[in-house]
C-alpha atoms as a PDB file:
ATOM      1  CA  MET A   1    -153.419  28.592   1.848  1.00  0.00           C
ATOM      2  CA  GLU A   2    -152.943  25.303   3.649  1.00  0.00           C
ATOM      3  CA  ILE A   3    -154.868  23.912   6.625  1.00  0.00           C
ATOM      4  CA  THR A   4    -153.598  21.009   8.715  1.00  0.00           C
ATOM      5  CA  ILE A   5    -155.747  19.046  11.148  1.00  0.00           C
ATOM      6  CA  LEU A   6    -153.170  18.791  13.927  1.00  0.00           C
ATOM      7  CA  GLY A   7    -155.514  16.782  16.126  1.00  0.00           C
ATOM      8  CA  SER A   8    -158.875  15.171  15.388  1.00  0.00           C
ATOM      9  CA  GLY A   9    -159.789  13.654  18.746  1.00  0.00           C
ATOM     10  CA  THR A  10    -162.068  14.455  21.627  1.00  0.00           C
ATOM     11  CA  SER A  11    -160.985  15.356  25.180  1.00  0.00           C
ATOM     12  CA  THR A  12    -159.605  11.905  26.061  1.00  0.00           C
ATOM     13  CA  GLY A  13    -157.784  11.378  22.778  1.00  0.00           C
ATOM     14  CA  VAL A  14    -157.872   8.001  21.040  1.00  0.00           C
ATOM     15  CA  PRO A  15    -156.774   5.471  22.162  1.00  0.00           C
ATOM     16  CA  VAL A  16    -158.329   6.216  25.544  1.00  0.00           C
ATOM     17  CA  ILE A  17    -156.204   5.319  28.547  1.00  0.00           C
ATOM     18  CA  GLY A  18    -157.302   1.981  30.034  1.00  0.00           C
ATOM     19  CA  LYS A  19    -159.890   1.200  27.331  1.00  0.00           C
ATOM     20  CA  LYS A  20    -159.390  -1.946  25.267  1.00  0.00           C
ATOM     21  CA  THR A  21    -162.277  -1.646  22.849  1.00  0.00           C
ATOM     22  CA  PRO A  22    -161.729  -2.374  19.134  1.00  0.00           C
ATOM     23  CA  VAL A  23    -161.203   1.258  18.067  1.00  0.00           C
ATOM     24  CA  ASN A  24    -158.751   1.838  20.910  1.00  0.00           C
ATOM     25  CA  LEU A  25    -156.765  -1.241  19.853  1.00  0.00           C
ATOM     26  CA  SER A  26    -156.797  -0.330  16.160  1.00  0.00           C
ATOM     27  CA  THR A  27    -153.486  -0.314  14.305  1.00  0.00           C
ATOM     28  CA  ASP A  28    -154.792   2.112  11.657  1.00  0.00           C
ATOM     29  CA  ILE A  29    -152.895   5.384  12.036  1.00  0.00           C
ATOM     30  CA  LYS A  30    -156.101   7.263  11.171  1.00  0.00           C
ATOM     31  CA  ASP A  31    -157.681   5.889  14.357  1.00  0.00           C
ATOM     32  CA  LYS A  32    -154.971   7.563  16.488  1.00  0.00           C
ATOM     33  CA  ARG A  33    -156.667  10.837  17.421  1.00  0.00           C
ATOM     34  CA  SER A  34    -154.820  13.487  19.406  1.00  0.00           C
ATOM     35  CA  ARG A  35    -156.694  16.401  20.955  1.00  0.00           C
ATOM     36  CA  SER A  36    -158.280  18.845  18.522  1.00  0.00           C
ATOM     37  CA  SER A  37    -156.212  21.648  17.021  1.00  0.00           C
ATOM     38  CA  LEU A  38    -155.884  23.336  13.633  1.00  0.00           C
ATOM     39  CA  LEU A  39    -152.963  24.961  11.800  1.00  0.00           C
ATOM     40  CA  ILE A  40    -153.620  27.614   9.140  1.00  0.00           C
ATOM     41  CA  ARG A  41    -150.760  28.666   6.871  1.00  0.00           C
ATOM     42  CA  SER A  42    -150.609  31.153   4.022  1.00  0.00           C
ATOM     43  CA  HIS A  43    -147.564  32.531   2.220  1.00  0.00           C
ATOM     44  CA  ASP A  44    -146.886  34.951   5.083  1.00  0.00           C
ATOM     45  CA  THR A  45    -149.098  33.917   8.001  1.00  0.00           C
ATOM     46  CA  SER A  46    -149.258  31.056  10.491  1.00  0.00           C
ATOM     47  CA  ILE A  47    -152.181  30.676  12.900  1.00  0.00           C
ATOM     48  CA  ILE A  48    -153.171  27.968  15.396  1.00  0.00           C
ATOM     49  CA  ILE A  49    -156.706  27.310  16.610  1.00  0.00           C
ATOM     50  CA  ASP A  50    -156.474  25.825  20.129  1.00  0.00           C
ATOM     51  CA  THR A  51    -153.431  24.486  21.930  1.00  0.00           C
ATOM     52  CA  GLY A  52    -154.471  21.227  23.553  1.00  0.00           C
ATOM     53  CA  PRO A  53    -152.378  18.899  25.722  1.00  0.00           C
ATOM     54  CA  ASP A  54    -150.834  17.290  22.614  1.00  0.00           C
ATOM     55  CA  PHE A  55    -149.671  20.576  21.096  1.00  0.00           C
ATOM     56  CA  ARG A  56    -145.941  20.039  21.675  1.00  0.00           C
ATOM     57  CA  LEU A  57    -145.825  16.830  19.648  1.00  0.00           C
ATOM     58  CA  GLN A  58    -148.172  18.273  17.021  1.00  0.00           C
ATOM     59  CA  ALA A  59    -145.872  21.275  16.594  1.00  0.00           C
ATOM     60  CA  LEU A  60    -142.798  19.069  16.244  1.00  0.00           C
ATOM     61  CA  GLN A  61    -144.497  16.736  13.761  1.00  0.00           C
ATOM     62  CA  ASN A  62    -145.576  19.675  11.602  1.00  0.00           C
ATOM     63  CA  ASN A  63    -142.407  21.765  11.862  1.00  0.00           C
ATOM     64  CA  ILE A  64    -144.109  24.760  13.489  1.00  0.00           C
ATOM     65  CA  GLN A  65    -141.335  27.298  14.030  1.00  0.00           C
ATOM     66  CA  HIS A  66    -143.258  30.571  14.043  1.00  0.00           C
ATOM     67  CA  LEU A  67    -146.769  31.729  14.885  1.00  0.00           C
ATOM     68  CA  ASP A  68    -148.527  34.986  14.075  1.00  0.00           C
ATOM     69  CA  ALA A  69    -151.525  34.349  16.324  1.00  0.00           C
ATOM     70  CA  ILE A  70    -153.464  31.783  18.346  1.00  0.00           C
ATOM     71  CA  LEU A  71    -157.262  31.596  18.255  1.00  0.00           C
ATOM     72  CA  PHE A  72    -159.056  29.820  21.093  1.00  0.00           C
ATOM     73  CA  THR A  73    -162.505  28.279  20.850  1.00  0.00           C
ATOM     74  CA  HIS A  74    -163.158  27.981  24.618  1.00  0.00           C
ATOM     75  CA  HIS A  75    -161.495  27.348  27.971  1.00  0.00           C
ATOM     76  CA  HIS A  76    -161.798  23.578  28.414  1.00  0.00           C
ATOM     77  CA  TYR A  77    -158.637  21.609  29.227  1.00  0.00           C
ATOM     78  CA  ASP A  78    -158.394  19.788  25.907  1.00  0.00           C
ATOM     79  CA  HIS A  79    -158.309  23.101  24.021  1.00  0.00           C
ATOM     80  CA  ILE A  80    -155.971  25.278  26.121  1.00  0.00           C
ATOM     81  CA  SER A  81    -153.654  23.132  28.249  1.00  0.00           C
ATOM     82  CA  GLY A  82    -150.784  23.132  25.752  1.00  0.00           C
ATOM     83  CA  LEU A  83    -150.405  26.901  25.778  1.00  0.00           C
ATOM     84  CA  GLY A  84    -147.294  26.648  27.943  1.00  0.00           C
ATOM     85  CA  ASP A  85    -145.586  24.712  25.150  1.00  0.00           C
ATOM     86  CA  ILE A  86    -145.472  27.817  22.945  1.00  0.00           C
ATOM     87  CA  LYS A  87    -142.819  29.312  25.219  1.00  0.00           C
ATOM     88  CA  PRO A  88    -139.886  28.454  22.874  1.00  0.00           C
ATOM     89  CA  LEU A  89    -141.698  30.320  20.083  1.00  0.00           C
ATOM     90  CA  LEU A  90    -141.922  33.534  22.119  1.00  0.00           C
ATOM     91  CA  PHE A  91    -138.231  34.382  22.108  1.00  0.00           C
ATOM     92  CA  ASN A  92    -136.601  36.369  19.309  1.00  0.00           C
ATOM     93  CA  ARG A  93    -140.007  37.505  18.014  1.00  0.00           C
ATOM     94  CA  GLY A  94    -139.605  41.218  18.599  1.00  0.00           C
ATOM     95  CA  SER A  95    -143.228  41.472  19.672  1.00  0.00           C
ATOM     96  CA  ARG A  96    -145.750  39.661  21.813  1.00  0.00           C
ATOM     97  CA  LEU A  97    -147.826  36.862  20.331  1.00  0.00           C
ATOM     98  CA  ASN A  98    -151.510  37.795  20.020  1.00  0.00           C
ATOM     99  CA  CYS A  99    -153.981  35.293  21.470  1.00  0.00           C
ATOM    100  CA  TYR A 100    -157.649  35.838  20.607  1.00  0.00           C
ATOM    101  CA  CYS A 101    -160.374  34.443  22.862  1.00  0.00           C
ATOM    102  CA  ASN A 102    -163.659  35.192  24.567  1.00  0.00           C
ATOM    103  CA  ASN A 103    -163.875  36.537  28.130  1.00  0.00           C
ATOM    104  CA  HIS A 104    -164.362  33.182  29.876  1.00  0.00           C
ATOM    105  CA  THR A 105    -161.381  31.706  28.071  1.00  0.00           C
ATOM    106  CA  PHE A 106    -159.213  34.698  28.948  1.00  0.00           C
ATOM    107  CA  GLU A 107    -159.962  34.359  32.658  1.00  0.00           C
ATOM    108  CA  GLU A 108    -158.845  30.725  32.657  1.00  0.00           C
ATOM    109  CA  LEU A 109    -155.772  31.312  30.480  1.00  0.00           C
ATOM    110  CA  ASN A 110    -154.656  34.372  32.435  1.00  0.00           C
ATOM    111  CA  ASN A 111    -154.943  32.533  35.744  1.00  0.00           C
ATOM    112  CA  ARG A 112    -153.175  29.402  34.560  1.00  0.00           C
ATOM    113  CA  TYR A 113    -150.497  30.911  32.313  1.00  0.00           C
ATOM    114  CA  SER A 114    -149.838  34.339  33.792  1.00  0.00           C
ATOM    115  CA  TYR A 115    -146.075  33.727  33.562  1.00  0.00           C
ATOM    116  CA  LEU A 116    -146.294  33.881  29.770  1.00  0.00           C
ATOM    117  CA  ASN A 117    -147.130  37.567  30.102  1.00  0.00           C
ATOM    118  CA  LEU A 118    -144.355  38.297  32.577  1.00  0.00           C
ATOM    119  CA  GLU A 119    -141.321  36.500  31.152  1.00  0.00           C
ATOM    120  CA  GLN A 120    -138.157  38.495  32.049  1.00  0.00           C
ATOM    121  CA  ASN A 121    -140.313  41.638  32.401  1.00  0.00           C
ATOM    122  CA  ASN A 122    -139.604  42.211  28.720  1.00  0.00           C
ATOM    123  CA  ASP A 123    -142.410  43.879  26.793  1.00  0.00           C
ATOM    124  CA  ASP A 124    -141.373  42.031  23.644  1.00  0.00           C
ATOM    125  CA  ILE A 125    -141.641  38.576  25.228  1.00  0.00           C
ATOM    126  CA  GLY A 126    -144.885  36.870  26.108  1.00  0.00           C
ATOM    127  CA  VAL A 127    -148.452  36.770  24.867  1.00  0.00           C
ATOM    128  CA  ASN A 128    -151.023  39.478  24.395  1.00  0.00           C
ATOM    129  CA  PHE A 129    -154.639  38.497  25.050  1.00  0.00           C
ATOM    130  CA  ILE A 130    -157.184  40.170  22.787  1.00  0.00           C
ATOM    131  CA  LEU A 131    -160.780  39.719  23.943  1.00  0.00           C
ATOM    132  CA  LEU A 132    -163.114  39.031  21.062  1.00  0.00           C
ATOM    133  CA  ASP A 133    -166.135  40.102  23.106  1.00  0.00           C
ATOM    134  CA  SER A 134    -164.703  43.610  23.351  1.00  0.00           C
ATOM    135  CA  LEU A 135    -164.132  43.768  19.586  1.00  0.00           C
ATOM    136  CA  THR A 136    -167.718  42.842  18.702  1.00  0.00           C
ATOM    137  CA  LYS A 137    -169.285  45.886  17.071  1.00  0.00           C
ATOM    138  CA  ASN A 138    -172.917  44.838  17.345  1.00  0.00           C
ATOM    139  CA  LYS A 139    -173.624  43.589  20.863  1.00  0.00           C
ATOM    140  CA  ALA A 140    -177.239  42.784  20.067  1.00  0.00           C
ATOM    141  CA  ASP A 141    -176.359  40.448  17.217  1.00  0.00           C
ATOM    142  CA  HIS A 142    -173.115  38.507  17.541  1.00  0.00           C
ATOM    143  CA  THR A 143    -173.290  37.419  13.914  1.00  0.00           C
ATOM    144  CA  LEU A 144    -172.555  40.892  12.567  1.00  0.00           C
ATOM    145  CA  ASN A 145    -169.252  42.692  11.926  1.00  0.00           C
ATOM    146  CA  ASN A 146    -167.076  40.256  13.874  1.00  0.00           C
ATOM    147  CA  THR A 147    -163.943  40.418  11.769  1.00  0.00           C
ATOM    148  CA  ILE A 148    -160.234  40.518  12.539  1.00  0.00           C
ATOM    149  CA  HIS A 149    -157.279  40.479  10.165  1.00  0.00           C
ATOM    150  CA  ILE A 150    -154.108  38.587  10.940  1.00  0.00           C
ATOM    151  CA  LYS A 151    -151.692  39.674   8.228  1.00  0.00           C
ATOM    152  CA  SER A 152    -153.050  38.189   4.970  1.00  0.00           C
ATOM    153  CA  ILE A 153    -155.820  36.127   6.607  1.00  0.00           C
ATOM    154  CA  GLN A 154    -159.302  37.401   7.407  1.00  0.00           C
ATOM    155  CA  VAL A 155    -161.037  35.759  10.353  1.00  0.00           C
ATOM    156  CA  ASP A 156    -164.714  36.177  11.198  1.00  0.00           C
ATOM    157  CA  TYR A 157    -165.780  34.873  14.601  1.00  0.00           C
ATOM    158  CA  PHE A 158    -169.124  33.738  15.963  1.00  0.00           C
ATOM    159  CA  ASN A 159    -170.363  32.768  19.418  1.00  0.00           C
ATOM    160  CA  VAL A 160    -172.064  29.362  19.406  1.00  0.00           C
ATOM    161  CA  ILE A 161    -173.678  27.527  22.318  1.00  0.00           C
ATOM    162  CA  HIS A 162    -171.697  24.689  23.906  1.00  0.00           C
ATOM    163  CA  TYR A 163    -173.530  24.201  27.238  1.00  0.00           C
ATOM    164  CA  PRO A 164    -177.133  25.401  26.792  1.00  0.00           C
ATOM    165  CA  ASP A 165    -177.990  25.215  30.505  1.00  0.00           C
ATOM    166  CA  ILE A 166    -175.259  27.609  31.723  1.00  0.00           C
ATOM    167  CA  PRO A 167    -175.017  28.917  28.946  1.00  0.00           C
ATOM    168  CA  LEU A 168    -171.387  28.444  27.909  1.00  0.00           C
ATOM    169  CA  GLU A 169    -170.273  29.766  24.541  1.00  0.00           C
ATOM    170  CA  SER A 170    -167.612  28.487  22.195  1.00  0.00           C
ATOM    171  CA  THR A 171    -166.145  30.495  19.313  1.00  0.00           C
ATOM    172  CA  ALA A 172    -166.437  29.372  15.705  1.00  0.00           C
ATOM    173  CA  TYR A 173    -164.009  30.810  13.148  1.00  0.00           C
ATOM    174  CA  LEU A 174    -164.602  31.526   9.459  1.00  0.00           C
ATOM    175  CA  ILE A 175    -161.348  31.806   7.525  1.00  0.00           C
ATOM    176  CA  ASN A 176    -161.239  34.034   4.431  1.00  0.00           C
ATOM    177  CA  LYS A 177    -165.014  33.707   4.059  1.00  0.00           C
ATOM    178  CA  LYS A 178    -164.637  30.111   2.818  1.00  0.00           C
ATOM    179  CA  ILE A 179    -163.507  27.704   5.570  1.00  0.00           C
ATOM    180  CA  LEU A 180    -165.484  27.311   8.794  1.00  0.00           C
ATOM    181  CA  TYR A 181    -163.988  25.674  11.903  1.00  0.00           C
ATOM    182  CA  ILE A 182    -166.694  24.947  14.472  1.00  0.00           C
ATOM    183  CA  THR A 183    -166.254  22.521  17.325  1.00  0.00           C
ATOM    184  CA  ASP A 184    -167.618  21.924  20.828  1.00  0.00           C
ATOM    185  CA  PHE A 185    -171.111  23.222  20.226  1.00  0.00           C
ATOM    186  CA  LYS A 186    -174.658  21.984  20.700  1.00  0.00           C
ATOM    187  CA  TYR A 187    -176.461  24.266  18.287  1.00  0.00           C
ATOM    188  CA  ILE A 188    -176.164  27.426  16.220  1.00  0.00           C
ATOM    189  CA  SER A 189    -178.774  30.140  15.895  1.00  0.00           C
ATOM    190  CA  ASP A 190    -180.782  30.498  12.713  1.00  0.00           C
ATOM    191  CA  ASN A 191    -179.382  33.963  12.040  1.00  0.00           C
ATOM    192  CA  MET A 192    -175.891  32.462  11.752  1.00  0.00           C
ATOM    193  CA  LYS A 193    -176.854  29.971   9.071  1.00  0.00           C
ATOM    194  CA  PRO A 194    -176.598  32.411   6.137  1.00  0.00           C
ATOM    195  CA  PHE A 195    -172.967  33.094   7.109  1.00  0.00           C
ATOM    196  CA  PHE A 196    -172.259  29.347   7.279  1.00  0.00           C
ATOM    197  CA  SER A 197    -174.073  28.336   4.080  1.00  0.00           C
ATOM    198  CA  ASN A 198    -172.566  27.395   0.708  1.00  0.00           C
ATOM    199  CA  LEU A 199    -168.980  27.599   1.917  1.00  0.00           C
ATOM    200  CA  ASP A 200    -166.023  25.827   0.406  1.00  0.00           C
ATOM    201  CA  THR A 201    -165.290  23.720   3.499  1.00  0.00           C
ATOM    202  CA  ILE A 202    -166.678  23.170   6.992  1.00  0.00           C
ATOM    203  CA  ILE A 203    -164.658  21.384   9.684  1.00  0.00           C
ATOM    204  CA  MET A 204    -167.158  20.427  12.378  1.00  0.00           C
ATOM    205  CA  GLY A 205    -166.721  18.796  15.759  1.00  0.00           C
ATOM    206  CA  ALA A 206    -169.086  15.860  16.296  1.00  0.00           C
ATOM    207  CA  PRO A 207    -167.696  13.361  18.819  1.00  0.00           C
ATOM    208  CA  LEU A 208    -170.351  10.677  19.144  1.00  0.00           C
ATOM    209  CA  PRO A 209    -172.867   8.697  17.070  1.00  0.00           C
ATOM    210  CA  TYR A 210    -175.581   9.270  19.700  1.00  0.00           C
ATOM    211  CA  PRO A 211    -177.043  12.377  21.392  1.00  0.00           C
ATOM    212  CA  HIS A 212    -175.043  14.279  24.000  1.00  0.00           C
ATOM    213  CA  PRO A 213    -176.230  17.272  26.081  1.00  0.00           C
ATOM    214  CA  TYR A 214    -173.274  19.497  25.144  1.00  0.00           C
ATOM    215  CA  HIS A 215    -172.118  18.320  21.731  1.00  0.00           C
ATOM    216  CA  ILE A 216    -173.777  17.866  18.370  1.00  0.00           C
ATOM    217  CA  SER A 217    -173.905  14.179  17.452  1.00  0.00           C
ATOM    218  CA  ILE A 218    -172.649  12.718  14.188  1.00  0.00           C
ATOM    219  CA  PRO A 219    -176.207  12.241  12.784  1.00  0.00           C
ATOM    220  CA  GLU A 220    -177.114  15.791  13.854  1.00  0.00           C
ATOM    221  CA  ALA A 221    -173.941  17.116  12.227  1.00  0.00           C
ATOM    222  CA  VAL A 222    -174.776  15.313   8.977  1.00  0.00           C
ATOM    223  CA  ALA A 223    -178.264  16.858   8.960  1.00  0.00           C
ATOM    224  CA  LEU A 224    -176.877  20.332   9.672  1.00  0.00           C
ATOM    225  CA  LEU A 225    -174.187  20.016   6.999  1.00  0.00           C
ATOM    226  CA  LYS A 226    -176.769  18.959   4.444  1.00  0.00           C
ATOM    227  CA  GLU A 227    -178.684  22.131   5.316  1.00  0.00           C
ATOM    228  CA  LEU A 228    -175.589  24.356   5.110  1.00  0.00           C
ATOM    229  CA  SER A 229    -174.424  22.737   1.836  1.00  0.00           C
ATOM    230  CA  PRO A 230    -170.651  23.216   1.837  1.00  0.00           C
ATOM    231  CA  GLN A 231    -168.699  21.773  -1.060  1.00  0.00           C
ATOM    232  CA  LYS A 232    -166.769  19.608   1.408  1.00  0.00           C
ATOM    233  CA  ALA A 233    -166.982  18.873   5.122  1.00  0.00           C
ATOM    234  CA  TYR A 234    -164.859  17.081   7.677  1.00  0.00           C
ATOM    235  CA  LEU A 235    -165.896  15.753  11.080  1.00  0.00           C
ATOM    236  CA  THR A 236    -163.371  16.257  13.870  1.00  0.00           C
ATOM    237  CA  HIS A 237    -163.231  16.063  17.696  1.00  0.00           C
ATOM    238  CA  LEU A 238    -164.028  12.376  17.241  1.00  0.00           C
ATOM    239  CA  ALA A 239    -164.353   9.942  20.147  1.00  0.00           C
ATOM    240  CA  ASP A 240    -163.578   6.212  20.110  1.00  0.00           C
ATOM    241  CA  GLN A 241    -166.943   4.772  19.056  1.00  0.00           C
ATOM    242  CA  LYS A 242    -166.215   4.518  15.330  1.00  0.00           C
ATOM    243  CA  PHE A 243    -163.297   3.359  13.199  1.00  0.00           C
ATOM    244  CA  HIS A 244    -162.119   5.824  10.575  1.00  0.00           C
ATOM    245  CA  HIS A 245    -163.036   3.403   7.791  1.00  0.00           C
ATOM    246  CA  GLU A 246    -166.527   2.928   9.274  1.00  0.00           C
ATOM    247  CA  LEU A 247    -167.165   6.646   9.166  1.00  0.00           C
ATOM    248  CA  GLU A 248    -165.840   6.863   5.612  1.00  0.00           C
ATOM    249  CA  ASN A 249    -168.371   4.232   4.531  1.00  0.00           C
ATOM    250  CA  GLU A 250    -171.315   5.646   6.498  1.00  0.00           C
ATOM    251  CA  LEU A 251    -171.037   9.380   5.809  1.00  0.00           C
ATOM    252  CA  PRO A 252    -172.422  11.116   2.707  1.00  0.00           C
ATOM    253  CA  GLU A 253    -169.901  11.561  -0.087  1.00  0.00           C
ATOM    254  CA  PHE A 254    -169.246  15.240   0.629  1.00  0.00           C
ATOM    255  CA  ILE A 255    -168.455  14.568   4.320  1.00  0.00           C
ATOM    256  CA  GLN A 256    -165.296  12.809   5.458  1.00  0.00           C
ATOM    257  CA  PRO A 257    -163.861  11.991   8.874  1.00  0.00           C
ATOM    258  CA  ALA A 258    -160.820  14.075   9.710  1.00  0.00           C
ATOM    259  CA  TYR A 259    -157.625  12.489  10.938  1.00  0.00           C
ATOM    260  CA  ASP A 260    -154.412  13.741  12.493  1.00  0.00           C
ATOM    261  CA  ASN A 261    -152.042  15.503  10.077  1.00  0.00           C
ATOM    262  CA  LEU A 262    -154.619  15.697   7.288  1.00  0.00           C
ATOM    263  CA  ILE A 263    -153.578  18.577   5.000  1.00  0.00           C
ATOM    264  CA  LEU A 264    -156.151  20.570   3.006  1.00  0.00           C
ATOM    265  CA  ASN A 265    -155.002  22.954   0.287  1.00  0.00           C
ATOM    266  CA  PHE A 266    -156.950  26.011  -0.832  1.00  0.00           C
ATOM    267  CA  TYR A 267    -156.103  28.160  -3.846  1.00  0.00           C
END
């Protein structure tokens, strides 16, 4: 199985429009951060997590010609606004493309992209929204029995808190019981930690080096990753406060900053 970090940046991307700070002026390709998205490929399966506003270029750069499913973390612009760019992939499929998301995300996607369901009134063209909330077997404990299978890939999903004061939830995804993708969250509950501990790899969103009300900070992410003890970890959803090489030098050895088009292989 192969995982590609399609985009490693926060909502503004890096460089940020109109900002002439050192990171934004960097010529290092690893400091060019498009909006966060992930591609998962096995021998017979291709899955995207989030379709941000840079998805079209990400798909072209990575030769994405077919998808078996899209997983969405939450409904914010930088994670869903490229959904319309999947339209060329919907034709000649023979079936609708399944999109998995929570209820809040579905409401936003269905309102904004309703035409993707209605294309030519053909039942074989368009997308099919599958609500993860309705699949959850144990409503009292969202950490239990939340599993879907997309061809050869097993996906476990978990609700994590993004905006504590609303509260707004984001969805974290555990791939084949070994790779966790978790972004846009402020904290996780203690009863999730056993599921997230001692994994092969964690890809974690941590935009800033200082506290934020709705995102885990880089120091907080480092502390949490030390507690969870994956073999390897990558920080993504990065803002423009730190150069890639700065983060490489500052982070513990088992944690690295992600960058666009980084490919991770799993056997």
